Amino acid sequence: MMVPLALMGLGALVAAMAPRLMSRSAWVDREPVLALWVWQCVVVGVLLCCALTMALTAAAASEAVRGNVFAPAPNGVVEAYALSGYGPWAAPVALALALGAVWSAAMLTREIGRARAWRRQHRAELLVRSPVLPGEEPAGERLVVLEGDKPDAWWLPGPTPQLVITTAALRRLKGRRLDAVIAHEQGHVRARHHWLLHCAGALAGGFPQVPVFAAFRDEVHRLVELAADDSASRRFGRTTTALALVELNEDRGVFGPCPSGLAQVPQRVDRLLAPAARFSPVRRLQLTAAAALVPVVPLLVTLVPALRVLG
């Protein structure tokens, strides 16, 4: 009985403390890729606590489930967990967590479905605005140029990611600044940021009452842009990337007294122009390993009774 309670307490502690600690950490903007890794470890740790609690309580409530969960384990291991002492609350807890798992899967499916519908709609619009010429393969080109009065560039994820850029952006951005914008979008494609955004959106949409999932979604949207900025700046320089961001967004009211929904763009530009010192490789390795311990701890807590018997 103590193991599920410990797992539930650990999950609640991580879910409550992680957003506060991350929001107070000054290094997050300096190391966006590392921050994304930490956030993923935190969320996986919370989900593991729920999944392991569900497995143990379901094993306590059902002989059939117990046989599957502890199939390869000796009898002494099963007795070490004292499943018979969990009481009548085991079945409701297992059922609630199982429903949460099903709901999470449904939200992820809905999120992916919406994203695919959005991509289909935009690809159809691209074919109307930029029709396929004789001899061209439909959706075969990775770069699509659209006639447009506003400078813009974006990417469509999928099996064949496409970079879309308007003629206004081509007229305004020259040389290395245009290359920096393309490198930024390519950074999103290489890192598969859309999958991370789908998972974050599904968890936050499915469980809006859980603050850690809402914070995860908000931070992922911000950090993937910083990571793509860094990817572009490593190839074409921070100043060039910052100027490209300014030229691409200066007509959208981003830098005025009443900024639009792209209010994070000025902060991204400031970050590129006045970069803070990055961590040393050793420090990055230490934080990476420390973050990896977050999902490992629930596994260790779950295995403590079995290890005592087997040891």
C-alpha atoms as a PDB file:
ATOM      1  CA  MET A   1       0.000   0.000   0.000  1.00  0.00           C
ATOM      2  CA  MET A   2       2.889   2.332   0.683  1.00  0.00           C
ATOM      3  CA  VAL A   3       4.289   2.129  -2.857  1.00  0.00           C
ATOM      4  CA  PRO A   4       1.199   3.598  -4.640  1.00  0.00           C
ATOM      5  CA  LEU A   5       0.940   6.299  -1.989  1.00  0.00           C
ATOM      6  CA  ALA A   6       4.620   7.140  -2.438  1.00  0.00           C
ATOM      7  CA  LEU A   7       4.185   7.264  -6.213  1.00  0.00           C
ATOM      8  CA  MET A   8       1.137   9.505  -5.973  1.00  0.00           C
ATOM      9  CA  GLY A   9       2.933  11.809  -3.554  1.00  0.00           C
ATOM     10  CA  LEU A  10       6.022  11.906  -5.759  1.00  0.00           C
ATOM     11  CA  GLY A  11       3.977  12.699  -8.860  1.00  0.00           C
ATOM     12  CA  ALA A  12       2.102  15.473  -7.071  1.00  0.00           C
ATOM     13  CA  LEU A  13       5.363  16.921  -5.734  1.00  0.00           C
ATOM     14  CA  VAL A  14       7.039  16.955  -9.153  1.00  0.00           C
ATOM     15  CA  ALA A  15       3.941  18.428 -10.814  1.00  0.00           C
ATOM     16  CA  ALA A  16       3.738  21.201  -8.211  1.00  0.00           C
ATOM     17  CA  MET A  17       7.421  22.084  -7.901  1.00  0.00           C
ATOM     18  CA  ALA A  18       8.738  21.732 -11.456  1.00  0.00           C
ATOM     19  CA  PRO A  19       6.886  24.735 -13.002  1.00  0.00           C
ATOM     20  CA  ARG A  20       7.973  26.970 -10.105  1.00  0.00           C
ATOM     21  CA  LEU A  21      11.595  25.873 -10.271  1.00  0.00           C
ATOM     22  CA  MET A  22      11.762  26.211 -14.051  1.00  0.00           C
ATOM     23  CA  SER A  23      10.157  29.664 -14.028  1.00  0.00           C
ATOM     24  CA  ARG A  24      12.751  30.867 -11.520  1.00  0.00           C
ATOM     25  CA  SER A  25      15.716  29.358 -13.343  1.00  0.00           C
ATOM     26  CA  ALA A  26      17.761  31.978 -15.178  1.00  0.00           C
ATOM     27  CA  TRP A  27      19.446  29.419 -17.432  1.00  0.00           C
ATOM     28  CA  VAL A  28      16.324  28.302 -19.317  1.00  0.00           C
ATOM     29  CA  ASP A  29      16.591  30.919 -22.085  1.00  0.00           C
ATOM     30  CA  ARG A  30      20.339  30.324 -22.364  1.00  0.00           C
ATOM     31  CA  GLU A  31      19.901  26.595 -23.006  1.00  0.00           C
ATOM     32  CA  PRO A  32      16.493  26.070 -24.669  1.00  0.00           C
ATOM     33  CA  VAL A  33      17.281  22.556 -25.930  1.00  0.00           C
ATOM     34  CA  LEU A  34      18.338  21.485 -22.446  1.00  0.00           C
ATOM     35  CA  ALA A  35      15.243  23.144 -20.974  1.00  0.00           C
ATOM     36  CA  LEU A  36      13.046  21.194 -23.396  1.00  0.00           C
ATOM     37  CA  TRP A  37      14.752  17.990 -22.262  1.00  0.00           C
ATOM     38  CA  VAL A  38      14.135  18.854 -18.596  1.00  0.00           C
ATOM     39  CA  TRP A  39      10.460  19.588 -19.270  1.00  0.00           C
ATOM     40  CA  GLN A  40      10.039  16.299 -21.112  1.00  0.00           C
ATOM     41  CA  CYS A  41      11.651  14.382 -18.240  1.00  0.00           C
ATOM     42  CA  VAL A  42       9.357  16.116 -15.754  1.00  0.00           C
ATOM     43  CA  VAL A  43       6.208  15.274 -17.709  1.00  0.00           C
ATOM     44  CA  VAL A  44       7.333  11.681 -18.319  1.00  0.00           C
ATOM     45  CA  GLY A  45       8.074  11.363 -14.604  1.00  0.00           C
ATOM     46  CA  VAL A  46       4.571  12.536 -13.667  1.00  0.00           C
ATOM     47  CA  LEU A  47       2.969  10.218 -16.218  1.00  0.00           C
ATOM     48  CA  LEU A  48       5.101   7.299 -15.006  1.00  0.00           C
ATOM     49  CA  CYS A  49       3.938   7.879 -11.433  1.00  0.00           C
ATOM     50  CA  CYS A  50       0.339   7.661 -12.636  1.00  0.00           C
ATOM     51  CA  ALA A  51       0.954   4.611 -14.844  1.00  0.00           C
ATOM     52  CA  LEU A  52       2.790   2.645 -12.139  1.00  0.00           C
ATOM     53  CA  THR A  53       0.167   3.515  -9.535  1.00  0.00           C
ATOM     54  CA  MET A  54      -2.508   2.324 -11.941  1.00  0.00           C
ATOM     55  CA  ALA A  55      -0.660  -0.961 -12.528  1.00  0.00           C
ATOM     56  CA  LEU A  56      -0.225  -1.709  -8.811  1.00  0.00           C
ATOM     57  CA  THR A  57      -3.754  -0.760  -7.770  1.00  0.00           C
ATOM     58  CA  ALA A  58      -5.236  -2.696 -10.688  1.00  0.00           C
ATOM     59  CA  ALA A  59      -3.136  -5.722  -9.679  1.00  0.00           C
ATOM     60  CA  ALA A  60      -4.471  -5.414  -6.149  1.00  0.00           C
ATOM     61  CA  ALA A  61      -8.069  -5.200  -7.376  1.00  0.00           C
ATOM     62  CA  SER A  62      -7.971  -7.962  -9.992  1.00  0.00           C
ATOM     63  CA  GLU A  63      -6.359 -11.412  -9.972  1.00  0.00           C
ATOM     64  CA  ALA A  64      -6.227 -11.375 -13.782  1.00  0.00           C
ATOM     65  CA  VAL A  65      -4.302  -8.113 -13.875  1.00  0.00           C
ATOM     66  CA  ARG A  66      -2.035  -9.323 -11.066  1.00  0.00           C
ATOM     67  CA  GLY A  67      -1.113 -12.389 -13.081  1.00  0.00           C
ATOM     68  CA  ASN A  68      -0.077 -10.235 -16.027  1.00  0.00           C
ATOM     69  CA  VAL A  69       1.804  -7.591 -14.024  1.00  0.00           C
ATOM     70  CA  PHE A  70       3.742 -10.083 -11.879  1.00  0.00           C
ATOM     71  CA  ALA A  71       3.886 -12.947 -14.388  1.00  0.00           C
ATOM     72  CA  PRO A  72       7.693 -13.362 -14.435  1.00  0.00           C
ATOM     73  CA  ALA A  73       8.171 -12.596 -10.729  1.00  0.00           C
ATOM     74  CA  PRO A  74       8.646 -15.200  -7.949  1.00  0.00           C
ATOM     75  CA  ASN A  75       5.918 -15.606  -5.340  1.00  0.00           C
ATOM     76  CA  GLY A  76       7.991 -13.826  -2.738  1.00  0.00           C
ATOM     77  CA  VAL A  77       8.023 -10.666  -4.854  1.00  0.00           C
ATOM     78  CA  VAL A  78       4.242 -10.605  -5.105  1.00  0.00           C
ATOM     79  CA  GLU A  79       3.942 -11.054  -1.345  1.00  0.00           C
ATOM     80  CA  ALA A  80       6.394  -8.202  -0.759  1.00  0.00           C
ATOM     81  CA  TYR A  81       3.923  -5.732  -2.277  1.00  0.00           C
ATOM     82  CA  ALA A  82       1.159  -6.844   0.121  1.00  0.00           C
ATOM     83  CA  LEU A  83      -1.482  -6.307  -2.546  1.00  0.00           C
ATOM     84  CA  SER A  84      -4.211  -7.759  -0.349  1.00  0.00           C
ATOM     85  CA  GLY A  85      -3.763  -4.885   2.098  1.00  0.00           C
ATOM     86  CA  TYR A  86      -4.556  -2.123  -0.395  1.00  0.00           C
ATOM     87  CA  GLY A  87      -8.193  -2.071   0.654  1.00  0.00           C
ATOM     88  CA  PRO A  88     -11.351  -1.207  -1.296  1.00  0.00           C
ATOM     89  CA  TRP A  89      -9.900   2.035  -2.662  1.00  0.00           C
ATOM     90  CA  ALA A  90      -7.578   0.190  -5.078  1.00  0.00           C
ATOM     91  CA  ALA A  91     -10.228  -0.480  -7.715  1.00  0.00           C
ATOM     92  CA  PRO A  92     -11.576   3.120  -7.905  1.00  0.00           C
ATOM     93  CA  VAL A  93      -8.055   4.550  -8.101  1.00  0.00           C
ATOM     94  CA  ALA A  94      -7.067   2.118 -10.841  1.00  0.00           C
ATOM     95  CA  LEU A  95     -10.250   2.869 -12.764  1.00  0.00           C
ATOM     96  CA  ALA A  96      -9.769   6.638 -12.472  1.00  0.00           C
ATOM     97  CA  LEU A  97      -6.176   6.420 -13.676  1.00  0.00           C
ATOM     98  CA  ALA A  98      -7.145   4.084 -16.512  1.00  0.00           C
ATOM     99  CA  LEU A  99      -9.801   6.555 -17.633  1.00  0.00           C
ATOM    100  CA  GLY A 100      -7.163   9.277 -17.486  1.00  0.00           C
ATOM    101  CA  ALA A 101      -4.887   7.215 -19.734  1.00  0.00           C
ATOM    102  CA  VAL A 102      -7.683   6.628 -22.231  1.00  0.00           C
ATOM    103  CA  TRP A 103      -8.573  10.313 -22.153  1.00  0.00           C
ATOM    104  CA  SER A 104      -4.931  11.264 -22.778  1.00  0.00           C
ATOM    105  CA  ALA A 105      -4.783   8.946 -25.787  1.00  0.00           C
ATOM    106  CA  ALA A 106      -8.034  10.405 -27.086  1.00  0.00           C
ATOM    107  CA  MET A 107      -6.742  13.973 -26.694  1.00  0.00           C
ATOM    108  CA  LEU A 108      -3.512  13.111 -28.495  1.00  0.00           C
ATOM    109  CA  THR A 109      -5.476  11.489 -31.307  1.00  0.00           C
ATOM    110  CA  ARG A 110      -7.681  14.572 -31.557  1.00  0.00           C
ATOM    111  CA  GLU A 111      -4.651  16.875 -31.575  1.00  0.00           C
ATOM    112  CA  ILE A 112      -2.959  14.901 -34.350  1.00  0.00           C
ATOM    113  CA  GLY A 113      -6.220  14.761 -36.301  1.00  0.00           C
ATOM    114  CA  ARG A 114      -6.636  18.522 -36.082  1.00  0.00           C
ATOM    115  CA  ALA A 115      -3.049  19.070 -37.163  1.00  0.00           C
ATOM    116  CA  ARG A 116      -3.469  16.784 -40.152  1.00  0.00           C
ATOM    117  CA  ALA A 117      -6.695  18.538 -41.149  1.00  0.00           C
ATOM    118  CA  TRP A 118      -4.920  21.891 -40.854  1.00  0.00           C
ATOM    119  CA  ARG A 119      -2.059  20.641 -43.050  1.00  0.00           C
ATOM    120  CA  ARG A 120      -4.460  19.260 -45.659  1.00  0.00           C
ATOM    121  CA  GLN A 121      -6.336  22.550 -45.765  1.00  0.00           C
ATOM    122  CA  HIS A 122      -3.175  24.600 -46.135  1.00  0.00           C
ATOM    123  CA  ARG A 123      -1.692  22.288 -48.757  1.00  0.00           C
ATOM    124  CA  ALA A 124      -4.919  22.590 -50.737  1.00  0.00           C
ATOM    125  CA  GLU A 125      -4.735  26.383 -50.435  1.00  0.00           C
ATOM    126  CA  LEU A 126      -1.116  26.275 -51.594  1.00  0.00           C
ATOM    127  CA  LEU A 127      -2.113  24.313 -54.688  1.00  0.00           C
ATOM    128  CA  VAL A 128      -4.702  26.986 -55.481  1.00  0.00           C
ATOM    129  CA  ARG A 129      -2.294  29.888 -54.945  1.00  0.00           C
ATOM    130  CA  SER A 130       0.704  28.068 -56.435  1.00  0.00           C
ATOM    131  CA  PRO A 131      -0.647  25.494 -58.910  1.00  0.00           C
ATOM    132  CA  VAL A 132       1.438  22.581 -60.112  1.00  0.00           C
ATOM    133  CA  LEU A 133       2.955  23.263 -63.508  1.00  0.00           C
ATOM    134  CA  PRO A 134       3.218  20.631 -66.240  1.00  0.00           C
ATOM    135  CA  GLY A 135       6.000  18.199 -65.401  1.00  0.00           C
ATOM    136  CA  GLU A 136       6.033  18.989 -61.665  1.00  0.00           C
ATOM    137  CA  GLU A 137       5.204  16.453 -58.974  1.00  0.00           C
ATOM    138  CA  PRO A 138       2.334  17.492 -56.644  1.00  0.00           C
ATOM    139  CA  ALA A 139       3.687  18.481 -53.227  1.00  0.00           C
ATOM    140  CA  GLY A 140       7.089  17.266 -54.287  1.00  0.00           C
ATOM    141  CA  GLU A 141       8.943  20.536 -53.817  1.00  0.00           C
ATOM    142  CA  ARG A 142      10.266  21.436 -50.379  1.00  0.00           C
ATOM    143  CA  LEU A 143      10.107  25.189 -51.105  1.00  0.00           C
ATOM    144  CA  VAL A 144       6.937  27.010 -52.158  1.00  0.00           C
ATOM    145  CA  VAL A 145       6.993  30.708 -53.078  1.00  0.00           C
ATOM    146  CA  LEU A 146       3.689  32.556 -52.767  1.00  0.00           C
ATOM    147  CA  GLU A 147       2.755  35.956 -54.076  1.00  0.00           C
ATOM    148  CA  GLY A 148       2.032  38.129 -51.056  1.00  0.00           C
ATOM    149  CA  ASP A 149       2.219  41.708 -49.810  1.00  0.00           C
ATOM    150  CA  LYS A 150       3.319  40.758 -46.277  1.00  0.00           C
ATOM    151  CA  PRO A 151       6.707  39.205 -45.548  1.00  0.00           C
ATOM    152  CA  ASP A 152       6.154  35.783 -44.045  1.00  0.00           C
ATOM    153  CA  ALA A 153       7.704  32.346 -43.883  1.00  0.00           C
ATOM    154  CA  TRP A 154       6.472  29.163 -42.286  1.00  0.00           C
ATOM    155  CA  TRP A 155       6.788  25.406 -42.604  1.00  0.00           C
ATOM    156  CA  LEU A 156       4.242  22.669 -43.110  1.00  0.00           C
ATOM    157  CA  PRO A 157       5.263  19.490 -41.245  1.00  0.00           C
ATOM    158  CA  GLY A 158       4.499  16.051 -42.546  1.00  0.00           C
ATOM    159  CA  PRO A 159       6.147  13.218 -44.488  1.00  0.00           C
ATOM    160  CA  THR A 160       7.494  15.832 -46.925  1.00  0.00           C
ATOM    161  CA  PRO A 161       7.922  19.083 -44.952  1.00  0.00           C
ATOM    162  CA  GLN A 162       7.502  22.193 -47.035  1.00  0.00           C
ATOM    163  CA  LEU A 163       8.888  25.667 -46.461  1.00  0.00           C
ATOM    164  CA  VAL A 164       6.520  28.404 -47.610  1.00  0.00           C
ATOM    165  CA  ILE A 165       7.817  31.926 -48.155  1.00  0.00           C
ATOM    166  CA  THR A 166       6.128  34.963 -49.639  1.00  0.00           C
ATOM    167  CA  THR A 167       7.478  37.184 -52.387  1.00  0.00           C
ATOM    168  CA  ALA A 168       7.403  40.128 -49.960  1.00  0.00           C
ATOM    169  CA  ALA A 169       9.808  38.234 -47.690  1.00  0.00           C
ATOM    170  CA  LEU A 170      12.076  37.522 -50.650  1.00  0.00           C
ATOM    171  CA  ARG A 171      12.100  41.211 -51.580  1.00  0.00           C
ATOM    172  CA  ARG A 172      12.810  42.364 -48.036  1.00  0.00           C
ATOM    173  CA  LEU A 173      15.259  39.718 -46.843  1.00  0.00           C
ATOM    174  CA  LYS A 174      18.532  39.591 -48.688  1.00  0.00           C
ATOM    175  CA  GLY A 175      21.499  37.263 -48.623  1.00  0.00           C
ATOM    176  CA  ARG A 176      22.352  35.753 -45.271  1.00  0.00           C
ATOM    177  CA  ARG A 177      19.232  37.132 -43.581  1.00  0.00           C
ATOM    178  CA  LEU A 178      17.036  35.100 -45.903  1.00  0.00           C
ATOM    179  CA  ASP A 179      19.281  32.113 -45.276  1.00  0.00           C
ATOM    180  CA  ALA A 180      18.869  32.628 -41.519  1.00  0.00           C
ATOM    181  CA  VAL A 181      15.068  32.543 -41.809  1.00  0.00           C
ATOM    182  CA  ILE A 182      15.244  29.348 -43.850  1.00  0.00           C
ATOM    183  CA  ALA A 183      17.684  27.821 -41.341  1.00  0.00           C
ATOM    184  CA  HIS A 184      15.282  28.720 -38.501  1.00  0.00           C
ATOM    185  CA  GLU A 185      12.442  26.833 -40.161  1.00  0.00           C
ATOM    186  CA  GLN A 186      14.740  23.930 -41.022  1.00  0.00           C
ATOM    187  CA  GLY A 187      15.662  23.753 -37.339  1.00  0.00           C
ATOM    188  CA  HIS A 188      12.005  23.085 -36.520  1.00  0.00           C
ATOM    189  CA  VAL A 189      11.862  20.337 -39.133  1.00  0.00           C
ATOM    190  CA  ARG A 190      15.067  18.593 -38.044  1.00  0.00           C
ATOM    191  CA  ALA A 191      14.091  18.591 -34.371  1.00  0.00           C
ATOM    192  CA  ARG A 192      10.528  17.360 -35.092  1.00  0.00           C
ATOM    193  CA  HIS A 193       9.143  20.153 -32.951  1.00  0.00           C
ATOM    194  CA  HIS A 194       5.611  19.540 -34.203  1.00  0.00           C
ATOM    195  CA  TRP A 195       5.424  16.217 -32.314  1.00  0.00           C
ATOM    196  CA  LEU A 196       6.462  17.894 -29.101  1.00  0.00           C
ATOM    197  CA  LEU A 197       3.844  20.590 -29.663  1.00  0.00           C
ATOM    198  CA  HIS A 198       1.164  17.955 -30.319  1.00  0.00           C
ATOM    199  CA  CYS A 199       1.928  16.090 -27.079  1.00  0.00           C
ATOM    200  CA  ALA A 200       2.039  19.285 -25.020  1.00  0.00           C
ATOM    201  CA  GLY A 201      -1.217  20.516 -26.535  1.00  0.00           C
ATOM    202  CA  ALA A 202      -2.947  17.182 -25.940  1.00  0.00           C
ATOM    203  CA  LEU A 203      -1.985  17.041 -22.252  1.00  0.00           C
ATOM    204  CA  ALA A 204      -2.896  20.676 -21.607  1.00  0.00           C
ATOM    205  CA  GLY A 205      -6.181  20.354 -23.503  1.00  0.00           C
ATOM    206  CA  GLY A 206      -7.122  17.093 -21.836  1.00  0.00           C
ATOM    207  CA  PHE A 207      -6.204  18.153 -18.299  1.00  0.00           C
ATOM    208  CA  PRO A 208      -6.551  21.946 -18.085  1.00  0.00           C
ATOM    209  CA  GLN A 209      -6.790  21.719 -14.297  1.00  0.00           C
ATOM    210  CA  VAL A 210      -3.227  20.339 -14.029  1.00  0.00           C
ATOM    211  CA  PRO A 211      -0.843  23.330 -13.951  1.00  0.00           C
ATOM    212  CA  VAL A 212       2.252  21.362 -14.954  1.00  0.00           C
ATOM    213  CA  PHE A 213       0.711  20.417 -18.312  1.00  0.00           C
ATOM    214  CA  ALA A 214      -0.381  23.997 -19.055  1.00  0.00           C
ATOM    215  CA  ALA A 215       3.104  25.262 -18.174  1.00  0.00           C
ATOM    216  CA  PHE A 216       4.634  22.532 -20.337  1.00  0.00           C
ATOM    217  CA  ARG A 217       2.557  23.620 -23.342  1.00  0.00           C
ATOM    218  CA  ASP A 218       3.371  27.316 -22.909  1.00  0.00           C
ATOM    219  CA  GLU A 219       7.072  26.715 -22.421  1.00  0.00           C
ATOM    220  CA  VAL A 220       7.322  24.322 -25.350  1.00  0.00           C
ATOM    221  CA  HIS A 221       5.828  26.916 -27.701  1.00  0.00           C
ATOM    222  CA  ARG A 222       8.388  29.448 -26.516  1.00  0.00           C
ATOM    223  CA  LEU A 223      11.437  27.218 -26.224  1.00  0.00           C
ATOM    224  CA  VAL A 224      11.132  25.633 -29.669  1.00  0.00           C
ATOM    225  CA  GLU A 225      11.386  29.124 -31.177  1.00  0.00           C
ATOM    226  CA  LEU A 226      14.493  29.883 -29.121  1.00  0.00           C
ATOM    227  CA  ALA A 227      16.020  26.558 -30.129  1.00  0.00           C
ATOM    228  CA  ALA A 228      15.340  27.278 -33.812  1.00  0.00           C
ATOM    229  CA  ASP A 229      16.850  30.767 -33.385  1.00  0.00           C
ATOM    230  CA  ASP A 230      20.002  29.173 -31.985  1.00  0.00           C
ATOM    231  CA  SER A 231      20.094  26.691 -34.854  1.00  0.00           C
ATOM    232  CA  ALA A 232      20.025  29.551 -37.351  1.00  0.00           C
ATOM    233  CA  SER A 233      22.476  31.719 -35.424  1.00  0.00           C
ATOM    234  CA  ARG A 234      25.075  28.952 -35.275  1.00  0.00           C
ATOM    235  CA  ARG A 235      25.191  28.971 -39.065  1.00  0.00           C
ATOM    236  CA  PHE A 236      24.690  32.639 -39.907  1.00  0.00           C
ATOM    237  CA  GLY A 237      25.428  34.569 -36.718  1.00  0.00           C
ATOM    238  CA  ARG A 238      23.262  36.055 -33.991  1.00  0.00           C
ATOM    239  CA  THR A 239      23.182  39.567 -35.424  1.00  0.00           C
ATOM    240  CA  THR A 240      22.100  38.341 -38.853  1.00  0.00           C
ATOM    241  CA  THR A 241      19.369  36.167 -37.327  1.00  0.00           C
ATOM    242  CA  ALA A 242      18.143  39.030 -35.126  1.00  0.00           C
ATOM    243  CA  LEU A 243      17.974  41.421 -38.089  1.00  0.00           C
ATOM    244  CA  ALA A 244      16.087  38.818 -40.097  1.00  0.00           C
ATOM    245  CA  LEU A 245      13.523  38.520 -37.279  1.00  0.00           C
ATOM    246  CA  VAL A 246      13.132  42.305 -37.170  1.00  0.00           C
ATOM    247  CA  GLU A 247      12.669  42.649 -40.921  1.00  0.00           C
ATOM    248  CA  LEU A 248      10.220  39.766 -41.050  1.00  0.00           C
ATOM    249  CA  ASN A 249       8.027  41.092 -38.205  1.00  0.00           C
ATOM    250  CA  GLU A 250       8.386  44.882 -38.195  1.00  0.00           C
ATOM    251  CA  ASP A 251       5.095  45.435 -40.076  1.00  0.00           C
ATOM    252  CA  ARG A 252       3.058  43.376 -37.585  1.00  0.00           C
ATOM    253  CA  GLY A 253       3.109  45.846 -34.701  1.00  0.00           C
ATOM    254  CA  VAL A 254       5.391  43.598 -32.700  1.00  0.00           C
ATOM    255  CA  PHE A 255       7.809  46.339 -31.682  1.00  0.00           C
ATOM    256  CA  GLY A 256       5.236  49.048 -30.999  1.00  0.00           C
ATOM    257  CA  PRO A 257       3.695  50.225 -27.718  1.00  0.00           C
ATOM    258  CA  CYS A 258       0.808  47.767 -28.146  1.00  0.00           C
ATOM    259  CA  PRO A 259       2.434  44.524 -29.271  1.00  0.00           C
ATOM    260  CA  SER A 260       0.404  41.830 -30.981  1.00  0.00           C
ATOM    261  CA  GLY A 261       0.253  38.130 -30.192  1.00  0.00           C
ATOM    262  CA  LEU A 262       3.884  37.865 -31.338  1.00  0.00           C
ATOM    263  CA  ALA A 263       5.067  39.757 -28.265  1.00  0.00           C
ATOM    264  CA  GLN A 264       7.853  37.266 -27.685  1.00  0.00           C
ATOM    265  CA  VAL A 265       9.673  38.406 -30.842  1.00  0.00           C
ATOM    266  CA  PRO A 266      11.315  41.456 -29.159  1.00  0.00           C
ATOM    267  CA  GLN A 267      12.584  39.206 -26.369  1.00  0.00           C
ATOM    268  CA  ARG A 268      13.984  36.811 -28.953  1.00  0.00           C
ATOM    269  CA  VAL A 269      15.751  39.656 -30.718  1.00  0.00           C
ATOM    270  CA  ASP A 270      17.193  40.988 -27.448  1.00  0.00           C
ATOM    271  CA  ARG A 271      18.368  37.512 -26.554  1.00  0.00           C
ATOM    272  CA  LEU A 272      20.176  37.151 -29.878  1.00  0.00           C
ATOM    273  CA  LEU A 273      21.811  40.575 -29.679  1.00  0.00           C
ATOM    274  CA  ALA A 274      22.889  40.244 -26.038  1.00  0.00           C
ATOM    275  CA  PRO A 275      23.525  36.526 -25.546  1.00  0.00           C
ATOM    276  CA  ALA A 276      24.277  35.160 -22.111  1.00  0.00           C
ATOM    277  CA  ALA A 277      27.183  32.771 -21.676  1.00  0.00           C
ATOM    278  CA  ARG A 278      26.256  29.162 -22.353  1.00  0.00           C
ATOM    279  CA  PHE A 279      26.977  26.334 -19.953  1.00  0.00           C
ATOM    280  CA  SER A 280      30.129  24.338 -20.331  1.00  0.00           C
ATOM    281  CA  PRO A 281      29.755  20.843 -21.862  1.00  0.00           C
ATOM    282  CA  VAL A 282      30.324  19.314 -18.424  1.00  0.00           C
ATOM    283  CA  ARG A 283      27.575  21.435 -16.866  1.00  0.00           C
ATOM    284  CA  ARG A 284      25.162  20.558 -19.676  1.00  0.00           C
ATOM    285  CA  LEU A 285      25.940  16.882 -19.202  1.00  0.00           C
ATOM    286  CA  GLN A 286      25.321  17.163 -15.466  1.00  0.00           C
ATOM    287  CA  LEU A 287      21.913  18.809 -15.955  1.00  0.00           C
ATOM    288  CA  THR A 288      20.984  16.288 -18.630  1.00  0.00           C
ATOM    289  CA  ALA A 289      21.790  13.404 -16.295  1.00  0.00           C
ATOM    290  CA  ALA A 290      20.004  15.057 -13.364  1.00  0.00           C
ATOM    291  CA  ALA A 291      16.857  15.553 -15.455  1.00  0.00           C
ATOM    292  CA  ALA A 292      16.978  11.921 -16.593  1.00  0.00           C
ATOM    293  CA  LEU A 293      16.724  10.890 -12.933  1.00  0.00           C
ATOM    294  CA  VAL A 294      13.209  12.363 -12.677  1.00  0.00           C
ATOM    295  CA  PRO A 295      11.535   9.478 -14.576  1.00  0.00           C
ATOM    296  CA  VAL A 296      13.989   6.963 -13.092  1.00  0.00           C
ATOM    297  CA  VAL A 297      12.992   7.679  -9.484  1.00  0.00           C
ATOM    298  CA  PRO A 298       9.386   6.378  -9.856  1.00  0.00           C
ATOM    299  CA  LEU A 299      10.768   3.165 -11.307  1.00  0.00           C
ATOM    300  CA  LEU A 300      13.143   2.760  -8.375  1.00  0.00           C
ATOM    301  CA  VAL A 301      10.366   3.468  -5.864  1.00  0.00           C
ATOM    302  CA  THR A 302       8.209   0.833  -7.536  1.00  0.00           C
ATOM    303  CA  LEU A 303      10.986  -1.766  -7.505  1.00  0.00           C
ATOM    304  CA  VAL A 304      12.068  -1.281  -3.866  1.00  0.00           C
ATOM    305  CA  PRO A 305       9.973  -4.171  -2.423  1.00  0.00           C
ATOM    306  CA  ALA A 306      11.077  -6.524  -5.205  1.00  0.00           C
ATOM    307  CA  LEU A 307      14.726  -5.585  -4.786  1.00  0.00           C
ATOM    308  CA  ARG A 308      14.545  -6.217  -1.057  1.00  0.00           C
ATOM    309  CA  VAL A 309      13.297  -9.745  -1.659  1.00  0.00           C
ATOM    310  CA  LEU A 310      15.673 -10.541  -4.503  1.00  0.00           C
ATOM    311  CA  GLY A 311      18.637  -8.943  -2.765  1.00  0.00           C
END
